[in-house]
Protein backbone atom coordinates (compact mmCIF):
# COMPACT_ATOMS: atom_id res chain seq x y z
CA MET A 1 0.08 -0.28 0.12
CA SER A 2 1.63 3.34 -0.86
CA THR A 3 1.58 6.24 1.82
CA PHE A 4 -1.30 8.20 0.00
CA GLU A 5 -3.46 5.09 -0.50
CA TYR A 6 -3.07 4.83 3.65
CA LEU A 7 -4.01 8.57 4.30
CA MET A 8 -6.64 7.83 2.05
CA ARG A 9 -7.83 4.76 4.24
CA VAL A 10 -7.49 6.86 7.23
CA LYS A 11 -9.64 9.45 5.75
CA ARG A 12 -12.49 6.84 5.27
CA GLU A 13 -11.93 4.86 8.27
CA LYS A 14 -11.51 7.40 11.08
CA GLY A 15 -13.38 10.05 9.23
CA ALA A 16 -10.63 12.44 9.39
CA GLY A 17 -6.82 11.89 9.95
CA TYR A 18 -4.37 13.43 12.79
CA LEU A 19 -0.72 14.57 11.47
CA LEU A 20 2.02 15.55 13.74
CA LEU A 21 4.17 17.92 12.51
CA LEU A 22 7.92 17.78 13.78
CA ASP A 23 10.26 20.31 12.99
CA PRO A 24 13.65 18.88 13.30
CA ASP A 25 15.19 22.35 14.61
CA ARG A 26 12.97 21.82 18.02
CA LEU A 27 13.57 18.39 18.55
CA ASP A 28 15.54 17.20 21.52
CA ARG A 29 17.77 14.16 19.98
CA LYS A 30 18.24 12.59 23.35
CA THR A 31 14.56 11.86 23.84
CA LEU A 32 13.31 11.49 20.31
CA ALA A 33 12.85 7.81 20.17
CA GLU A 34 10.78 8.14 23.21
CA ASP A 35 8.82 10.91 21.90
CA VAL A 36 8.20 9.14 18.56
CA ARG A 37 7.26 6.04 20.22
CA CYS A 38 4.59 8.29 22.40
CA LEU A 39 2.90 9.88 19.29
CA GLY A 40 2.30 6.23 17.90
CA ALA A 41 0.64 5.19 21.31
CA ASN A 42 -1.88 8.01 21.50
CA GLY A 43 -3.72 8.02 18.06
CA VAL A 44 -1.08 10.08 15.41
CA ASP A 45 -2.08 8.57 12.35
CA ALA A 46 1.34 9.79 10.38
CA ILE A 47 4.53 11.96 11.08
CA LEU A 48 5.32 15.11 8.81
CA VAL A 49 8.89 16.25 9.07
CA GLY A 50 10.13 19.47 8.06
CA SER A 51 10.29 23.46 8.28
CA SER A 52 10.34 26.70 6.04
CA PHE A 53 13.77 27.08 7.34
CA LEU A 54 16.00 24.94 9.18
CA LEU A 55 19.70 25.87 11.16
CA SER A 56 20.22 21.92 11.90
CA ASN A 57 22.23 20.11 9.27
CA ASP A 58 21.26 16.36 10.01
CA PHE A 59 17.90 16.30 8.29
CA ASP A 60 18.48 12.81 6.76
CA GLN A 61 19.67 11.48 10.18
CA VAL A 62 16.63 13.02 11.88
CA VAL A 63 14.45 11.50 9.49
CA GLY A 64 16.14 8.17 10.02
CA GLN A 65 15.86 8.25 13.79
CA ILE A 66 11.96 9.19 13.67
CA LYS A 67 11.50 6.24 11.01
CA LYS A 68 13.46 3.66 13.04
CA GLU A 69 10.90 4.35 15.94
CA ALA A 70 7.48 4.97 13.84
CA LYS A 71 5.00 2.57 13.64
CA MET A 72 3.13 4.93 11.19
CA PRO A 73 4.37 6.68 8.09
CA VAL A 74 6.74 9.25 8.00
CA ILE A 75 6.19 12.54 5.24
CA ILE A 76 8.38 14.78 4.40
CA PHE A 77 6.99 18.44 4.57
CA PRO A 78 9.65 20.34 2.58
CA GLY A 79 10.97 24.05 2.99
CA GLY A 80 13.43 23.35 0.22
CA ILE A 81 15.29 20.66 -2.02
CA TYR A 82 17.52 20.60 0.91
CA GLN A 83 14.68 18.47 3.26
CA ILE A 84 14.79 15.12 0.81
CA SER A 85 15.83 12.08 2.53
CA PRO A 86 15.40 8.31 0.84
CA LYS A 87 14.44 7.14 4.52
CA ALA A 88 11.11 8.71 4.64
CA ASP A 89 7.98 7.10 3.35
CA ALA A 90 6.83 10.10 1.16
CA ILE A 91 7.08 13.73 0.60
CA LEU A 92 4.59 15.95 -0.10
CA PHE A 93 5.51 17.52 -3.51
CA LEU A 94 4.43 21.28 -2.95
CA SER A 95 3.60 23.88 -5.17
CA LEU A 96 2.76 27.34 -3.30
CA LEU A 97 -0.10 28.32 -5.47
CA SER A 98 -1.19 31.09 -3.14
CA GLY A 99 2.02 33.03 -4.07
CA ARG A 100 3.41 34.36 -7.27
CA ASN A 101 7.10 33.58 -6.39
CA PRO A 102 8.10 31.22 -9.57
CA GLU A 103 10.88 29.47 -7.46
CA PHE A 104 8.30 28.05 -4.79
CA LEU A 105 5.63 27.52 -7.75
CA ILE A 106 7.68 25.31 -10.04
CA GLY A 107 11.63 26.49 -9.24
CA GLN A 108 12.43 24.03 -6.69
CA GLN A 109 10.44 21.34 -7.81
CA VAL A 110 12.19 21.27 -10.84
CA LYS A 111 15.47 20.74 -8.94
CA ALA A 112 13.85 18.39 -6.52
CA ALA A 113 12.10 16.07 -9.71
CA PRO A 114 15.82 14.25 -10.26
CA ILE A 115 16.14 13.68 -6.88
CA LEU A 116 13.26 12.38 -6.19
CA ARG A 117 13.14 9.94 -9.02
CA ASP A 118 16.93 8.83 -8.15
CA CYS A 119 16.09 8.00 -4.56
CA GLY A 120 12.60 6.24 -5.28
CA LEU A 121 10.72 8.40 -2.71
CA GLU A 122 7.01 8.64 -3.04
CA SER A 123 5.84 11.95 -4.14
CA ILE A 124 2.50 13.09 -3.44
CA SER A 125 1.45 16.38 -5.51
CA THR A 126 0.09 18.72 -3.33
CA GLY A 127 -1.13 22.52 -3.79
CA TYR A 128 -0.11 24.57 -0.72
CA LEU A 129 -2.00 27.63 0.14
CA LEU A 130 -0.89 29.94 2.90
CA VAL A 131 -3.48 31.77 4.36
CA GLU A 132 -3.19 35.03 6.33
CA SER A 133 -2.75 34.43 10.13
CA GLY A 134 -2.50 37.79 12.27
CA ARG A 135 1.06 37.56 12.07
CA PRO A 136 4.28 37.22 9.67
CA THR A 137 4.96 33.67 9.62
CA THR A 138 8.45 32.32 8.51
CA ALA A 139 6.99 30.71 5.55
CA GLU A 140 5.71 34.03 4.15
CA TYR A 141 9.05 35.42 4.90
CA ILE A 142 11.21 32.78 3.24
CA SER A 143 8.74 32.39 0.14
CA ASP A 144 8.52 35.86 -0.18
CA THR A 145 5.01 35.78 -0.87
CA ARG A 146 1.89 37.43 0.32
CA PRO A 147 -1.00 34.67 2.00
CA LEU A 148 -4.43 34.44 1.06
CA PRO A 149 -6.44 37.04 3.01
CA ARG A 150 -8.54 35.37 5.64
CA SER A 151 -11.95 36.94 5.11
CA LYS A 152 -12.12 36.60 1.17
CA PRO A 153 -13.03 32.33 1.29
CA GLU A 154 -13.85 32.93 -2.39
CA ILE A 155 -9.96 33.85 -3.23
CA ALA A 156 -9.20 30.51 -1.55
CA GLU A 157 -12.27 28.46 -3.40
CA ALA A 158 -10.65 29.70 -6.86
CA HIS A 159 -7.24 28.31 -5.60
CA ALA A 160 -8.22 25.32 -4.73
CA LEU A 161 -10.12 24.70 -7.74
CA ALA A 162 -6.97 25.53 -9.75
CA ALA A 163 -5.06 22.95 -7.63
CA GLN A 164 -7.74 20.55 -8.63
CA TYR A 165 -7.64 21.29 -12.27
CA LEU A 166 -3.72 20.85 -12.42
CA GLY A 167 -4.34 17.59 -11.24
CA MET A 168 -2.97 17.63 -7.62
CA LYS A 169 -3.81 14.93 -5.27
CA LEU A 170 -3.97 16.69 -2.07
CA LEU A 171 -4.76 20.21 -0.79
CA TYR A 172 -2.52 21.99 2.12
CA LEU A 173 -4.55 24.94 3.82
CA ASP A 174 -1.81 26.55 6.29
CA ALA A 175 -1.65 29.24 8.68
CA GLY A 176 2.16 28.68 9.07
CA SER A 177 3.88 27.66 12.19
CA GLY A 178 3.40 30.00 15.39
CA ALA A 179 -0.06 31.07 13.66
CA GLU A 180 -1.95 33.81 15.70
CA HIS A 181 -5.26 32.76 14.51
CA SER A 182 -6.09 29.30 12.69
CA ILE A 183 -7.63 28.78 9.15
CA PRO A 184 -11.31 29.83 9.44
CA GLU A 185 -14.01 27.56 9.08
CA GLU A 186 -15.40 29.95 6.44
CA ILE A 187 -12.45 29.16 4.28
CA ILE A 188 -12.35 25.61 4.77
CA GLN A 189 -16.16 25.18 4.32
CA ALA A 190 -16.06 27.01 0.83
CA VAL A 191 -12.94 24.97 -0.31
CA ALA A 192 -14.44 21.55 0.91
CA ASP A 193 -17.76 22.39 -0.90
CA SER A 194 -15.99 23.43 -4.27
CA VAL A 195 -13.26 20.54 -4.93
CA SER A 196 -13.13 16.83 -4.32
CA LEU A 197 -9.70 16.88 -3.38
CA PRO A 198 -8.63 15.76 0.42
CA ILE A 199 -7.74 18.55 2.63
CA ILE A 200 -5.39 19.00 4.98
CA VAL A 201 -5.38 21.82 7.61
CA GLY A 202 -2.35 23.37 9.86
CA GLY A 203 -1.21 26.05 11.69
CA GLY A 204 -2.46 27.94 14.99
CA ILE A 205 -4.46 24.79 16.32
CA ARG A 206 -3.72 24.76 19.91
CA GLN A 207 -6.81 23.17 21.51
CA PRO A 208 -8.42 19.90 20.50
CA GLU A 209 -11.73 21.41 20.23
CA ILE A 210 -10.66 23.87 17.48
CA ALA A 211 -9.32 20.87 15.69
CA ARG A 212 -12.52 19.37 15.69
CA GLN A 213 -14.21 22.42 14.40
CA LYS A 214 -11.71 22.26 11.25
CA VAL A 215 -12.58 18.78 10.94
CA LEU A 216 -16.81 19.59 10.73
CA ALA A 217 -15.86 22.06 8.46
CA GLY A 218 -14.53 19.78 6.16
CA SER A 219 -10.88 18.99 6.89
CA SER A 220 -9.43 15.64 5.58
CA PHE A 221 -6.23 16.04 8.10
CA VAL A 222 -5.51 18.28 10.69
CA VAL A 223 -1.99 18.99 11.24
CA ILE A 224 -0.86 19.79 14.86
CA GLY A 225 2.75 20.88 15.50
CA THR A 226 3.34 23.86 17.96
CA ALA A 227 0.84 22.81 20.47
CA ALA A 228 2.57 19.60 20.66
CA GLU A 229 5.99 20.64 20.89
CA GLN A 230 5.08 23.04 23.75
CA ASN A 231 3.27 20.54 25.73
CA ASN A 232 4.63 17.05 24.93
CA ASP A 233 1.83 15.23 26.80
CA PRO A 234 0.33 12.07 26.34
CA VAL A 235 -2.82 13.35 27.26
CA LEU A 236 -2.91 16.08 25.10
CA LEU A 237 -1.99 14.19 22.14
CA LYS A 238 -4.99 11.47 23.08
CA GLU A 239 -7.27 14.39 23.38
CA PHE A 240 -6.15 15.84 20.02
CA ALA A 241 -6.73 11.88 18.42
CA GLN A 242 -10.22 11.80 19.80
CA ALA A 243 -11.37 15.40 18.43
CA ILE A 244 -9.90 14.83 14.92
CA HIS A 245 -10.96 10.87 14.78
CA VAL A 246 -14.77 12.29 14.09
CA LYS A 247 -17.25 10.97 11.47
CA LYS A 248 -18.31 13.85 9.88
CA ILE A 249 -22.49 13.52 9.24
């Protein structure tokens, strides 16, 4: 079974998937193995690894450590071509459709394509939409793009349709790491009503009840990052799982 097929099965069987984002710069290497095992024991369906900007230079080693302990897929969420490792199960092949910087629309992708072919890493074509979060984020700064306005669902809807017509497999709505505000439910609902693509939503989701709101609005997968980093509590991890794994009526 491919990683993409696994994700679709999770969505089908659990209502929505629970993705945990690990930033290599913020990981404690001494407790990493124990931390990863804790994720698997508390309902996390897959692990995302990556960052918009990295200071550490041991990305491949970190991915290998995570994969060694993980009982679920390890998927790279890349900030650039330097975040590629054959030790992962798959990579989100992102195109920053919300911006107009050609380097992140297609430039990085062209540079990465031969590397991905040679290492045999499963690539999941993903339309990436950065949405205004109330404060500047690293993704916004590094990509030199403006996020979509959070008060204009119709703009996000049009971008999502473009991703679907371009043949992408997933859509990622992101407020960015450390976002002040998460993606509005109005945007998620508008996008979910307009496209058939599975929708990943991340950024600024700090409480389980907020995660559940994203699922009820139409999210197929919810990404938790900063909330877990700041409070690596098994009880909180499990509460997020219970909030996300809810069948939509």
